[in-house]
Amino acid sequence: MVAVIVGVDVAFLRERLWLRLVVNVVIVAAFLAIYMAVLRAR
């Protein structure tokens, strides 16, 4: 997950602070949603 966030930051959002923050929150939320879906599937 950290690699995805850092990769997106470096590749696309180097100079846009607020957009970077929003995108990072969305990525973390997506990972959390997938994690919760996998836990509920068990």
N, C-alpha and C. Protein backbone atom coordinates (compact mmCIF):
# COMPACT_ATOMS: atom_id res chain seq x y z
N MET A 1 0.83 -1.18 0.00
CA MET A 1 0.00 0.00 0.00
C MET A 1 0.87 1.25 0.00
N VAL A 2 1.91 1.23 0.80
CA VAL A 2 2.80 2.39 0.85
C VAL A 2 3.45 2.62 -0.51
N ALA A 3 3.83 1.54 -1.18
CA ALA A 3 4.47 1.66 -2.49
C ALA A 3 3.51 2.30 -3.50
N VAL A 4 2.24 1.95 -3.44
CA VAL A 4 1.26 2.54 -4.36
C VAL A 4 1.11 4.03 -4.10
N ILE A 5 1.01 4.41 -2.82
CA ILE A 5 0.83 5.82 -2.48
C ILE A 5 2.05 6.64 -2.90
N VAL A 6 3.23 6.15 -2.56
CA VAL A 6 4.45 6.88 -2.92
C VAL A 6 4.62 6.93 -4.43
N GLY A 7 4.32 5.85 -5.12
CA GLY A 7 4.44 5.82 -6.57
C GLY A 7 3.53 6.83 -7.24
N VAL A 8 2.29 6.91 -6.79
CA VAL A 8 1.35 7.89 -7.36
C VAL A 8 1.81 9.31 -7.05
N ASP A 9 2.27 9.54 -5.83
CA ASP A 9 2.76 10.87 -5.45
C ASP A 9 3.90 11.31 -6.35
N VAL A 10 4.89 10.46 -6.50
CA VAL A 10 6.08 10.83 -7.27
C VAL A 10 5.76 10.96 -8.76
N ALA A 11 4.94 10.06 -9.27
CA ALA A 11 4.69 10.03 -10.71
C ALA A 11 3.77 11.16 -11.18
N PHE A 12 2.73 11.49 -10.41
CA PHE A 12 1.70 12.38 -10.93
C PHE A 12 1.50 13.67 -10.14
N LEU A 13 1.73 13.64 -8.84
CA LEU A 13 1.24 14.74 -8.00
C LEU A 13 2.35 15.44 -7.24
N ARG A 14 3.47 15.60 -7.85
CA ARG A 14 4.63 16.14 -7.15
C ARG A 14 4.42 17.56 -6.63
N GLU A 15 3.72 18.41 -7.38
CA GLU A 15 3.62 19.82 -7.02
C GLU A 15 2.22 20.26 -6.58
N ARG A 16 1.33 19.34 -6.41
CA ARG A 16 -0.06 19.68 -6.06
C ARG A 16 -0.38 19.11 -4.68
N LEU A 17 -0.16 19.92 -3.65
CA LEU A 17 -0.27 19.44 -2.27
C LEU A 17 -1.66 18.95 -1.91
N TRP A 18 -2.70 19.74 -2.16
CA TRP A 18 -4.04 19.36 -1.73
C TRP A 18 -4.58 18.19 -2.53
N LEU A 19 -4.29 18.17 -3.82
CA LEU A 19 -4.72 17.03 -4.64
C LEU A 19 -4.03 15.76 -4.16
N ARG A 20 -2.75 15.89 -3.81
CA ARG A 20 -2.00 14.76 -3.28
C ARG A 20 -2.65 14.20 -2.02
N LEU A 21 -3.04 15.09 -1.12
CA LEU A 21 -3.68 14.68 0.13
C LEU A 21 -4.98 13.94 -0.15
N VAL A 22 -5.80 14.49 -1.02
CA VAL A 22 -7.09 13.87 -1.34
C VAL A 22 -6.89 12.50 -1.99
N VAL A 23 -5.98 12.41 -2.93
CA VAL A 23 -5.73 11.14 -3.62
C VAL A 23 -5.20 10.10 -2.63
N ASN A 24 -4.32 10.51 -1.73
CA ASN A 24 -3.80 9.57 -0.74
C ASN A 24 -4.91 9.05 0.17
N VAL A 25 -5.82 9.91 0.57
CA VAL A 25 -6.94 9.48 1.41
C VAL A 25 -7.84 8.51 0.64
N VAL A 26 -8.07 8.78 -0.63
CA VAL A 26 -8.90 7.88 -1.46
C VAL A 26 -8.24 6.52 -1.61
N ILE A 27 -6.93 6.50 -1.84
CA ILE A 27 -6.21 5.22 -1.98
C ILE A 27 -6.30 4.41 -0.69
N VAL A 28 -6.09 5.07 0.44
CA VAL A 28 -6.18 4.37 1.72
C VAL A 28 -7.60 3.85 1.96
N ALA A 29 -8.60 4.65 1.62
CA ALA A 29 -9.99 4.21 1.78
C ALA A 29 -10.31 3.02 0.89
N ALA A 30 -9.77 3.00 -0.32
CA ALA A 30 -10.00 1.87 -1.23
C ALA A 30 -9.36 0.61 -0.68
N PHE A 31 -8.12 0.72 -0.19
CA PHE A 31 -7.48 -0.44 0.41
C PHE A 31 -8.25 -0.93 1.63
N LEU A 32 -8.73 0.00 2.44
CA LEU A 32 -9.50 -0.37 3.62
C LEU A 32 -10.80 -1.07 3.24
N ALA A 33 -11.47 -0.58 2.21
CA ALA A 33 -12.72 -1.21 1.75
C ALA A 33 -12.46 -2.63 1.24
N ILE A 34 -11.40 -2.81 0.49
CA ILE A 34 -11.05 -4.14 -0.01
C ILE A 34 -10.72 -5.07 1.15
N TYR A 35 -9.94 -4.57 2.11
CA TYR A 35 -9.57 -5.35 3.28
C TYR A 35 -10.81 -5.78 4.06
N MET A 36 -11.73 -4.86 4.27
CA MET A 36 -12.95 -5.19 5.01
C MET A 36 -13.81 -6.19 4.24
N ALA A 37 -13.86 -6.07 2.94
CA ALA A 37 -14.63 -7.02 2.12
C ALA A 37 -14.04 -8.43 2.22
N VAL A 38 -12.72 -8.50 2.24
CA VAL A 38 -12.07 -9.81 2.36
C VAL A 38 -12.32 -10.40 3.74
N LEU A 39 -12.28 -9.56 4.77
CA LEU A 39 -12.54 -10.07 6.12
C LEU A 39 -13.97 -10.56 6.27
N ARG A 40 -14.92 -9.85 5.68
CA ARG A 40 -16.32 -10.27 5.79
C ARG A 40 -16.60 -11.53 4.97
N ALA A 41 -15.79 -11.79 3.97
CA ALA A 41 -16.00 -12.98 3.14
C ALA A 41 -15.62 -14.25 3.89
N ARG A 42 -14.85 -14.12 4.93
CA ARG A 42 -14.42 -15.30 5.69
C ARG A 42 -15.47 -15.80 6.60
